[in-house]
N, C-alpha and C. Protein backbone atom coordinates (compact mmCIF):
# COMPACT_ATOMS: atom_id res chain seq x y z
N MET A 1 0.97 -1.17 0.08
CA MET A 1 -0.14 -0.07 0.16
C MET A 1 0.78 1.20 -0.08
N PRO A 2 0.67 2.35 -0.83
CA PRO A 2 1.41 3.43 -0.68
C PRO A 2 1.33 4.20 0.50
N ASN A 3 2.28 4.83 1.00
CA ASN A 3 2.37 5.66 2.14
C ASN A 3 1.92 6.94 1.77
N ALA A 4 0.63 7.24 1.79
CA ALA A 4 0.25 8.70 1.41
C ALA A 4 0.64 9.73 2.32
N LEU A 5 0.82 9.24 3.67
CA LEU A 5 1.25 10.44 4.58
C LEU A 5 2.80 10.51 4.34
N ALA A 6 3.65 9.57 3.93
CA ALA A 6 4.93 9.76 3.95
C ALA A 6 5.48 10.83 3.10
N ALA A 7 4.67 11.25 2.11
CA ALA A 7 5.25 12.50 1.27
C ALA A 7 5.20 13.72 2.15
N SER A 8 4.51 13.71 3.37
CA SER A 8 4.59 14.84 4.25
C SER A 8 5.64 14.73 5.37
N THR A 9 6.50 13.67 5.18
CA THR A 9 7.53 13.50 6.19
C THR A 9 8.80 14.44 5.83
N THR A 10 9.36 15.05 6.79
CA THR A 10 10.37 16.00 6.56
C THR A 10 11.35 15.73 7.72
N ALA A 11 12.60 16.38 7.47
CA ALA A 11 13.66 16.01 8.53
C ALA A 11 13.17 16.37 9.79
N SER A 12 12.25 17.46 10.04
CA SER A 12 11.84 18.09 11.28
C SER A 12 10.47 17.19 11.72
N ASP A 13 10.05 16.35 10.99
CA ASP A 13 8.78 15.70 11.44
C ASP A 13 8.76 14.20 10.55
N PRO A 14 9.83 13.38 10.89
CA PRO A 14 10.02 12.29 10.21
C PRO A 14 9.19 10.86 10.55
N ARG A 15 7.98 11.26 10.78
CA ARG A 15 6.94 10.04 11.20
C ARG A 15 6.77 9.27 9.96
N GLN A 16 6.71 7.94 10.01
CA GLN A 16 6.51 7.04 9.02
C GLN A 16 5.31 6.14 9.19
N ARG A 17 4.39 6.09 8.05
CA ARG A 17 3.29 5.15 8.25
C ARG A 17 3.73 3.91 8.10
N ILE A 18 3.36 2.90 9.06
CA ILE A 18 3.89 1.58 8.87
C ILE A 18 2.55 0.69 8.67
N ALA A 19 2.98 -0.68 8.44
CA ALA A 19 1.88 -1.57 8.44
C ALA A 19 1.47 -1.85 9.76
N VAL A 20 0.21 -2.03 10.09
CA VAL A 20 -0.38 -2.39 11.36
C VAL A 20 0.25 -3.62 11.99
N ASN A 21 0.61 -4.58 11.18
CA ASN A 21 1.26 -5.86 11.37
C ASN A 21 2.76 -5.47 12.09
N ASP A 22 3.47 -4.43 11.75
CA ASP A 22 4.69 -3.90 12.07
C ASP A 22 4.68 -3.30 13.43
N VAL A 23 3.61 -3.05 14.03
CA VAL A 23 3.45 -2.36 15.36
C VAL A 23 4.18 -3.41 16.31
N GLN A 24 5.10 -2.67 17.20
CA GLN A 24 5.93 -3.43 18.16
C GLN A 24 5.45 -3.32 19.60
N ASN A 25 4.90 -2.32 19.99
CA ASN A 25 4.57 -2.06 21.43
C ASN A 25 3.52 -2.91 21.98
N PRO A 26 3.66 -3.46 23.05
CA PRO A 26 2.68 -4.46 23.64
C PRO A 26 1.43 -3.67 23.93
N MET A 27 1.37 -2.58 24.35
CA MET A 27 0.06 -1.81 24.72
C MET A 27 -0.73 -1.52 23.41
N LEU A 28 0.05 -1.16 22.30
CA LEU A 28 -0.62 -1.07 20.96
C LEU A 28 -1.34 -2.27 20.47
N LEU A 29 -0.33 -3.60 20.68
CA LEU A 29 -0.92 -4.77 20.24
C LEU A 29 -2.13 -5.06 21.04
N CYS A 30 -2.24 -4.77 22.31
CA CYS A 30 -3.39 -5.06 23.01
C CYS A 30 -4.75 -4.28 22.57
N ALA A 31 -4.36 -3.10 22.24
CA ALA A 31 -5.56 -2.26 21.58
C ALA A 31 -5.94 -2.82 20.25
N ILE A 32 -5.03 -3.30 19.46
CA ILE A 32 -5.32 -3.83 18.21
C ILE A 32 -6.17 -5.11 18.39
N ALA A 33 -5.51 -5.99 19.30
CA ALA A 33 -6.51 -7.24 19.52
C ALA A 33 -7.76 -7.02 20.02
N LEU A 34 -7.90 -6.11 20.91
CA LEU A 34 -9.26 -5.73 21.43
C LEU A 34 -10.30 -5.33 20.24
N TRP A 35 -9.66 -4.49 19.48
CA TRP A 35 -10.47 -3.98 18.19
C TRP A 35 -10.82 -5.12 17.50
N HIS A 36 -9.98 -5.98 17.14
CA HIS A 36 -10.37 -7.25 16.32
C HIS A 36 -11.44 -8.05 16.78
N ARG A 37 -11.27 -8.23 18.11
CA ARG A 37 -12.14 -9.06 18.89
C ARG A 37 -13.56 -8.44 18.84
N LEU A 38 -13.58 -7.33 19.25
CA LEU A 38 -14.98 -6.48 19.16
C LEU A 38 -15.55 -6.24 17.93
N ARG A 39 -14.81 -6.21 16.81
CA ARG A 39 -15.35 -6.15 15.54
C ARG A 39 -15.99 -7.34 15.02
N GLY A 40 -15.53 -8.52 15.32
CA GLY A 40 -16.11 -9.73 14.91
C GLY A 40 -16.00 -9.91 13.43
N GLU A 41 -17.20 -9.99 12.89
CA GLU A 41 -17.31 -10.18 11.19
C GLU A 41 -17.44 -8.77 10.67
N ARG A 42 -17.62 -7.67 11.38
CA ARG A 42 -17.89 -6.56 10.95
C ARG A 42 -16.42 -5.88 10.43
N PRO A 43 -16.47 -4.67 9.48
CA PRO A 43 -15.24 -4.16 9.22
C PRO A 43 -14.61 -3.43 10.22
N PHE A 44 -15.29 -2.87 11.38
CA PHE A 44 -14.77 -2.36 12.60
C PHE A 44 -15.99 -2.34 13.55
N PRO A 45 -15.59 -2.41 14.87
CA PRO A 45 -16.45 -2.21 15.94
C PRO A 45 -17.01 -0.79 16.11
N ALA A 46 -18.27 -0.82 17.03
CA ALA A 46 -18.99 0.36 17.29
C ALA A 46 -18.33 0.94 18.31
N ARG A 47 -18.51 2.30 18.40
CA ARG A 47 -17.73 3.26 19.56
C ARG A 47 -18.34 2.63 20.82
N ASN A 48 -19.76 2.28 20.94
CA ASN A 48 -20.25 1.68 22.17
C ASN A 48 -19.61 0.35 22.59
N ASP A 49 -19.02 -0.26 21.66
CA ASP A 49 -18.45 -1.58 22.02
C ASP A 49 -17.12 -1.38 22.70
N MET A 50 -16.46 -0.26 22.78
CA MET A 50 -15.14 -0.09 23.39
C MET A 50 -15.66 0.62 24.79
N THR A 51 -15.55 -0.16 25.69
CA THR A 51 -15.94 0.23 27.13
C THR A 51 -14.50 0.61 27.85
N LEU A 52 -14.62 1.51 28.87
CA LEU A 52 -13.48 1.89 29.62
C LEU A 52 -12.79 0.77 30.23
N ARG A 53 -13.71 -0.07 30.63
CA ARG A 53 -13.12 -1.34 31.42
C ARG A 53 -12.18 -2.18 30.34
N ASP A 54 -12.71 -2.29 29.27
CA ASP A 54 -11.89 -3.01 28.05
C ASP A 54 -10.67 -2.21 27.78
N MET A 55 -10.70 -0.95 27.75
CA MET A 55 -9.56 0.03 27.55
C MET A 55 -8.70 0.22 28.39
N ALA A 56 -8.98 -0.26 29.74
CA ALA A 56 -8.05 0.13 30.92
C ALA A 56 -6.58 -0.10 30.54
N PRO A 57 -6.06 -1.14 29.94
CA PRO A 57 -4.63 -1.38 29.74
C PRO A 57 -3.99 -0.22 28.96
N PHE A 58 -4.88 0.55 28.07
CA PHE A 58 -4.28 1.50 27.45
C PHE A 58 -4.93 2.95 27.28
N ALA A 59 -6.03 3.04 28.26
CA ALA A 59 -6.73 4.18 28.22
C ALA A 59 -5.93 5.48 28.50
N ARG A 60 -4.84 5.50 29.26
CA ARG A 60 -4.11 6.73 29.43
C ARG A 60 -3.42 7.10 28.20
N ASN A 61 -3.27 6.20 27.23
CA ASN A 61 -2.61 6.40 26.05
C ASN A 61 -3.40 6.70 24.90
N SER A 62 -4.63 7.05 25.12
CA SER A 62 -5.65 7.05 24.12
C SER A 62 -6.25 8.40 23.82
N VAL A 63 -6.61 8.53 22.61
CA VAL A 63 -7.36 9.76 22.12
C VAL A 63 -8.59 9.17 21.36
N LEU A 64 -9.88 9.68 21.75
CA LEU A 64 -10.97 9.25 21.09
C LEU A 64 -11.38 10.69 20.23
N VAL A 65 -11.45 10.54 18.78
CA VAL A 65 -11.81 11.65 17.87
C VAL A 65 -13.20 11.27 17.30
N ARG A 66 -14.11 12.26 17.47
CA ARG A 66 -15.49 12.07 16.82
C ARG A 66 -15.23 12.64 15.40
N VAL A 67 -15.89 12.04 14.28
CA VAL A 67 -15.86 12.49 12.97
C VAL A 67 -17.32 13.39 12.79
N LEU A 68 -16.95 14.73 12.32
CA LEU A 68 -18.16 15.66 12.21
C LEU A 68 -18.37 15.86 10.74
N ASN A 69 -19.57 15.90 10.29
CA ASN A 69 -20.12 16.20 9.09
C ASN A 69 -19.22 15.43 7.78
N ASP A 70 -19.31 14.14 7.98
CA ASP A 70 -18.66 13.24 7.04
C ASP A 70 -17.11 13.38 6.87
N GLY A 71 -16.52 14.10 7.93
CA GLY A 71 -15.00 14.29 7.90
C GLY A 71 -14.55 15.69 7.40
N ALA A 72 -15.67 16.59 7.51
CA ALA A 72 -15.22 17.88 7.20
C ALA A 72 -14.57 18.58 8.43
N GLU A 73 -14.81 17.96 9.57
CA GLU A 73 -14.31 18.45 10.90
C GLU A 73 -14.00 17.10 11.78
N PHE A 74 -13.08 17.14 12.70
CA PHE A 74 -12.90 16.36 13.69
C PHE A 74 -12.89 16.95 15.12
N GLU A 75 -13.65 16.16 16.15
CA GLU A 75 -13.68 16.69 17.41
C GLU A 75 -13.01 15.85 18.39
N ILE A 76 -11.89 16.30 19.02
CA ILE A 76 -11.06 15.67 19.98
C ILE A 76 -11.98 15.46 21.35
N ARG A 77 -12.48 14.33 21.33
CA ARG A 77 -13.34 14.00 22.66
C ARG A 77 -12.84 13.63 23.81
N LEU A 78 -11.69 12.77 23.98
CA LEU A 78 -11.16 12.49 24.99
C LEU A 78 -9.68 12.39 24.93
N VAL A 79 -8.95 12.61 25.90
CA VAL A 79 -7.50 12.78 25.75
C VAL A 79 -6.90 12.11 27.00
N GLY A 80 -6.21 10.90 26.97
CA GLY A 80 -5.59 10.27 28.11
C GLY A 80 -4.31 11.15 28.67
N ASP A 81 -3.98 10.83 29.93
CA ASP A 81 -3.15 11.58 30.66
C ASP A 81 -1.67 11.44 29.92
N ALA A 82 -1.29 10.17 29.50
CA ALA A 82 -0.04 10.10 28.80
C ALA A 82 -0.07 10.76 27.71
N VAL A 83 -0.93 10.98 26.92
CA VAL A 83 -1.00 11.90 25.67
C VAL A 83 -0.69 13.39 26.09
N VAL A 84 -1.40 13.78 27.25
CA VAL A 84 -1.25 15.16 27.47
C VAL A 84 0.18 15.33 28.02
N GLU A 85 0.59 14.39 28.83
CA GLU A 85 2.14 14.51 29.28
C GLU A 85 3.03 14.71 28.10
N ALA A 86 2.97 13.79 27.05
CA ALA A 86 3.80 13.79 25.89
C ALA A 86 3.61 15.01 24.88
N LYS A 87 2.34 15.66 24.86
CA LYS A 87 2.19 16.65 23.97
C LYS A 87 2.27 17.99 24.73
N GLY A 88 2.21 17.91 26.06
CA GLY A 88 2.24 19.25 26.84
C GLY A 88 0.99 19.89 27.10
N CYS A 89 -0.25 19.53 26.51
CA CYS A 89 -1.42 20.07 26.78
C CYS A 89 -2.49 19.15 26.28
N SER A 90 -3.74 19.37 26.53
CA SER A 90 -4.74 18.52 26.33
C SER A 90 -5.73 19.45 25.24
N PHE A 91 -6.12 18.77 24.24
CA PHE A 91 -7.13 19.31 23.17
C PHE A 91 -8.47 18.78 23.20
N GLN A 92 -8.80 18.16 24.48
CA GLN A 92 -10.07 17.74 24.75
C GLN A 92 -11.10 18.65 24.57
N ASN A 93 -12.23 18.04 23.79
CA ASN A 93 -13.46 18.98 23.53
C ASN A 93 -13.15 20.00 22.49
N MET A 94 -12.22 19.87 21.74
CA MET A 94 -11.73 21.00 20.74
C MET A 94 -11.90 20.46 19.35
N THR A 95 -12.34 21.01 18.42
CA THR A 95 -12.21 20.54 17.02
C THR A 95 -10.70 20.73 16.53
N LEU A 96 -10.28 19.93 15.38
CA LEU A 96 -9.19 19.96 15.16
C LEU A 96 -8.69 21.50 14.52
N THR A 97 -9.58 22.25 14.06
CA THR A 97 -9.51 23.55 13.49
C THR A 97 -9.18 24.34 14.84
N GLU A 98 -9.96 24.20 15.86
CA GLU A 98 -9.55 25.06 17.03
C GLU A 98 -8.27 24.66 17.69
N ALA A 99 -7.92 23.42 17.61
CA ALA A 99 -6.55 22.93 18.27
C ALA A 99 -5.46 23.29 17.30
N ALA A 100 -5.56 23.59 16.10
CA ALA A 100 -4.45 23.95 15.12
C ALA A 100 -3.57 24.85 15.29
N PRO A 101 -3.96 26.15 15.96
CA PRO A 101 -2.88 27.02 16.37
C PRO A 101 -1.79 26.55 17.21
N ARG A 102 -2.23 25.62 18.12
CA ARG A 102 -1.30 25.04 19.13
C ARG A 102 -0.56 23.95 18.62
N LEU A 103 -1.20 23.26 17.69
CA LEU A 103 -0.57 22.20 16.93
C LEU A 103 0.58 22.30 15.90
N GLY A 104 0.31 23.62 15.34
CA GLY A 104 1.28 23.99 14.25
C GLY A 104 1.09 22.97 13.12
N ASP A 105 2.28 22.70 12.54
CA ASP A 105 2.25 21.80 11.26
C ASP A 105 1.67 20.33 11.61
N ASN A 106 1.63 20.01 12.84
CA ASN A 106 0.90 18.77 13.32
C ASN A 106 -0.42 18.67 13.02
N ALA A 107 -1.08 19.75 12.97
CA ALA A 107 -2.65 19.86 12.63
C ALA A 107 -2.92 19.18 11.24
N GLY A 108 -2.04 19.75 10.35
CA GLY A 108 -2.35 19.23 9.08
C GLY A 108 -1.98 17.73 8.77
N TYR A 109 -0.92 17.35 9.42
CA TYR A 109 -0.71 15.90 9.55
C TYR A 109 -1.77 15.11 10.07
N MET A 110 -2.20 15.42 11.27
CA MET A 110 -3.38 14.82 12.00
C MET A 110 -4.62 14.71 11.14
N ARG A 111 -4.80 15.88 10.46
CA ARG A 111 -6.18 15.79 9.60
C ARG A 111 -5.94 14.83 8.44
N ARG A 112 -4.66 14.70 7.87
CA ARG A 112 -4.51 13.73 6.76
C ARG A 112 -4.54 12.40 7.20
N ALA A 113 -4.09 12.12 8.56
CA ALA A 113 -4.12 10.69 9.13
C ALA A 113 -5.57 10.36 9.27
N TYR A 114 -6.19 11.36 9.98
CA TYR A 114 -7.96 11.13 10.25
C TYR A 114 -8.51 10.78 8.97
N GLU A 115 -8.15 11.61 7.85
CA GLU A 115 -8.93 11.37 6.62
C GLU A 115 -8.68 9.94 6.13
N ALA A 116 -7.38 9.67 6.21
CA ALA A 116 -6.89 8.25 5.68
C ALA A 116 -7.68 7.01 6.46
N VAL A 117 -8.04 7.18 7.74
CA VAL A 117 -8.67 6.21 8.39
C VAL A 117 -10.15 6.25 8.16
N LEU A 118 -10.87 7.47 7.75
CA LEU A 118 -12.14 7.71 7.42
C LEU A 118 -12.40 7.05 5.98
N LYS A 119 -11.26 7.27 5.07
CA LYS A 119 -11.60 6.96 3.77
C LYS A 119 -11.33 5.20 3.56
N GLY A 120 -10.39 4.85 4.27
CA GLY A 120 -9.96 3.39 4.16
C GLY A 120 -10.62 2.62 5.09
N ARG A 121 -11.32 3.00 6.07
CA ARG A 121 -12.25 2.33 6.97
C ARG A 121 -11.51 0.94 7.56
N ALA A 122 -10.03 1.37 7.73
CA ALA A 122 -9.08 0.32 8.35
C ALA A 122 -8.16 0.98 9.27
N PRO A 123 -7.60 0.20 10.15
CA PRO A 123 -6.48 0.75 11.07
C PRO A 123 -5.41 1.31 10.21
N ILE A 124 -4.62 2.25 10.75
CA ILE A 124 -3.28 2.64 10.39
C ILE A 124 -2.45 2.93 11.44
N ALA A 125 -1.17 2.76 11.07
CA ALA A 125 -0.12 2.81 12.11
C ALA A 125 1.00 3.87 11.83
N PHE A 126 1.65 4.40 12.73
CA PHE A 126 2.73 5.31 12.53
C PHE A 126 4.00 5.07 13.61
N ARG A 127 5.01 5.39 13.09
CA ARG A 127 6.10 5.38 14.27
C ARG A 127 7.19 6.44 13.76
N GLY A 128 7.66 7.15 14.76
CA GLY A 128 8.72 8.12 14.28
C GLY A 128 8.68 9.31 15.24
N TRP A 129 9.54 10.24 14.88
CA TRP A 129 9.73 11.53 15.86
C TRP A 129 8.74 12.48 15.48
N ILE A 130 8.03 13.08 16.64
CA ILE A 130 7.14 14.07 16.30
C ILE A 130 7.70 15.47 16.77
N GLY A 131 7.31 16.51 16.24
CA GLY A 131 7.44 17.73 16.75
C GLY A 131 8.39 18.59 16.54
N PRO A 132 8.48 19.77 15.98
CA PRO A 132 9.19 20.77 16.38
C PRO A 132 8.42 21.68 17.28
N ASN A 133 7.00 21.26 17.44
CA ASN A 133 6.15 22.01 18.10
C ASN A 133 6.11 21.62 19.75
N TYR A 134 6.84 20.61 20.13
CA TYR A 134 6.93 20.07 21.45
C TYR A 134 8.32 20.66 21.99
N SER A 135 8.16 20.80 23.39
CA SER A 135 9.47 21.39 24.00
C SER A 135 10.58 20.47 23.96
N LEU A 136 10.37 19.07 23.93
CA LEU A 136 11.26 18.08 23.67
C LEU A 136 10.98 17.22 22.44
N PRO A 137 11.98 16.63 21.76
CA PRO A 137 11.44 15.75 20.77
C PRO A 137 10.76 14.50 21.33
N VAL A 138 9.90 14.02 20.58
CA VAL A 138 9.05 12.87 21.18
C VAL A 138 8.99 11.90 20.05
N PHE A 139 9.44 10.43 20.46
CA PHE A 139 9.42 9.43 19.60
C PHE A 139 8.03 8.73 19.93
N GLN A 140 7.33 8.38 18.79
CA GLN A 140 5.86 7.91 19.05
C GLN A 140 5.75 6.55 18.19
N GLU A 141 5.13 5.71 18.51
CA GLU A 141 4.41 4.68 17.93
C GLU A 141 2.88 4.73 18.22
N SER A 142 2.21 4.67 17.25
CA SER A 142 0.59 4.91 17.36
C SER A 142 -0.09 4.02 16.33
N VAL A 143 -1.49 3.74 16.68
CA VAL A 143 -2.27 3.32 15.84
C VAL A 143 -3.56 3.77 15.96
N MET A 144 -4.21 3.98 14.78
CA MET A 144 -5.46 4.74 14.58
C MET A 144 -6.50 3.70 14.18
N LEU A 145 -7.62 3.55 14.99
CA LEU A 145 -8.44 2.41 14.83
C LEU A 145 -9.99 3.04 14.49
N PRO A 146 -10.59 2.74 13.34
CA PRO A 146 -11.95 3.09 13.02
C PRO A 146 -13.01 2.57 13.84
N LEU A 147 -14.02 3.23 14.18
CA LEU A 147 -15.12 2.87 14.88
C LEU A 147 -16.35 3.35 14.28
N GLY A 148 -17.54 2.62 14.40
CA GLY A 148 -18.61 2.99 13.72
C GLY A 148 -19.83 2.20 14.11
N PRO A 149 -21.10 2.72 14.20
CA PRO A 149 -22.15 2.02 14.67
C PRO A 149 -22.79 0.82 13.98
N GLU A 150 -22.60 0.90 12.66
CA GLU A 150 -23.14 -0.37 11.99
C GLU A 150 -21.88 -0.91 10.99
N GLY A 151 -20.79 -0.68 11.33
CA GLY A 151 -19.84 -1.02 10.40
C GLY A 151 -19.65 -0.59 9.08
N GLU A 152 -20.45 0.40 8.76
CA GLU A 152 -20.34 0.97 7.29
C GLU A 152 -19.79 2.27 7.40
N SER A 153 -20.00 3.28 8.34
CA SER A 153 -19.56 4.51 8.33
C SER A 153 -18.56 4.54 9.49
N VAL A 154 -17.49 5.37 9.45
CA VAL A 154 -16.66 5.53 10.62
C VAL A 154 -17.30 7.03 11.39
N ASP A 155 -17.65 6.91 12.52
CA ASP A 155 -18.11 8.07 13.32
C ASP A 155 -17.07 8.46 14.42
N HIS A 156 -16.12 7.49 14.75
CA HIS A 156 -14.98 7.96 15.70
C HIS A 156 -13.79 7.22 15.34
N ILE A 157 -12.73 7.55 15.86
CA ILE A 157 -11.29 7.11 15.53
C ILE A 157 -10.79 7.00 17.03
N LEU A 158 -10.24 5.86 17.44
CA LEU A 158 -9.58 5.60 18.74
C LEU A 158 -8.05 5.68 18.04
N ILE A 159 -7.39 6.54 18.91
CA ILE A 159 -5.78 6.49 18.62
C ILE A 159 -5.22 6.24 20.01
N VAL A 160 -4.39 5.23 19.64
CA VAL A 160 -3.52 4.65 20.86
C VAL A 160 -2.23 4.77 20.53
N GLY A 161 -1.26 5.57 21.48
CA GLY A 161 -0.03 5.87 21.21
C GLY A 161 0.88 5.73 22.47
N VAL A 162 2.10 5.45 22.20
CA VAL A 162 3.10 5.34 23.32
C VAL A 162 4.23 6.52 22.72
N TYR A 163 4.74 7.12 23.74
CA TYR A 163 5.64 8.29 23.68
C TYR A 163 6.89 8.10 24.53
N ALA A 164 8.03 8.59 24.07
CA ALA A 164 9.25 8.64 24.89
C ALA A 164 9.78 9.99 24.50
N GLN A 165 10.09 10.93 25.54
CA GLN A 165 10.76 12.24 25.23
C GLN A 165 12.07 12.10 25.28
N GLY A 166 12.75 12.89 24.50
CA GLY A 166 14.35 13.18 24.49
C GLY A 166 14.78 12.45 23.32
N ALA A 167 15.92 12.89 23.08
CA ALA A 167 16.63 12.58 21.78
C ALA A 167 16.94 11.30 21.48
N ALA A 168 17.37 10.50 22.53
CA ALA A 168 17.70 9.12 22.23
C ALA A 168 16.69 7.93 22.84
N LYS A 169 15.65 8.35 23.12
CA LYS A 169 14.66 7.34 23.73
C LYS A 169 13.68 6.85 22.75
N ARG A 170 13.42 5.59 22.63
CA ARG A 170 12.33 5.05 21.83
C ARG A 170 11.27 4.27 22.84
N PRO A 171 10.00 4.41 22.74
CA PRO A 171 9.07 3.53 23.59
C PRO A 171 9.09 1.91 23.41
N ARG A 172 9.06 1.32 24.35
CA ARG A 172 9.07 -0.26 24.37
C ARG A 172 7.71 -0.69 24.53
């Protein structure tokens, strides 16, 4: 599959889209396994299928994004503590447009990633360094998982990520 987001990769933002099967972090693998279990025979599970109890092993590292107007906008509904720590602030209950001034170049990258999940109706994963917009370099591995009520349209995206701050660290 072509890496549509790789074209936006730069020296200052060298994130790479990776195959979901190449995800290495155990927490992300737990989230992917839960997603597969809950979807059953459907293309993806419903948002209501994902309970906080089920998500407990990775809730701190999660972001739940609601798709608005068929993808014209995205609302960041929930942001876990580990994400706030890594990114330095919370964008909870903000649209991507509202959060864009604080996200800088990352806002466009996030929008393209959300649109890729919406269009592809399948999980996508990333690995690499994020940010000149953050106080320290952050290495991230993340997965974006589509959710929708009837398995036909994506109405939410669950993002689970692991982060390590500092120039020489990688999350395990």
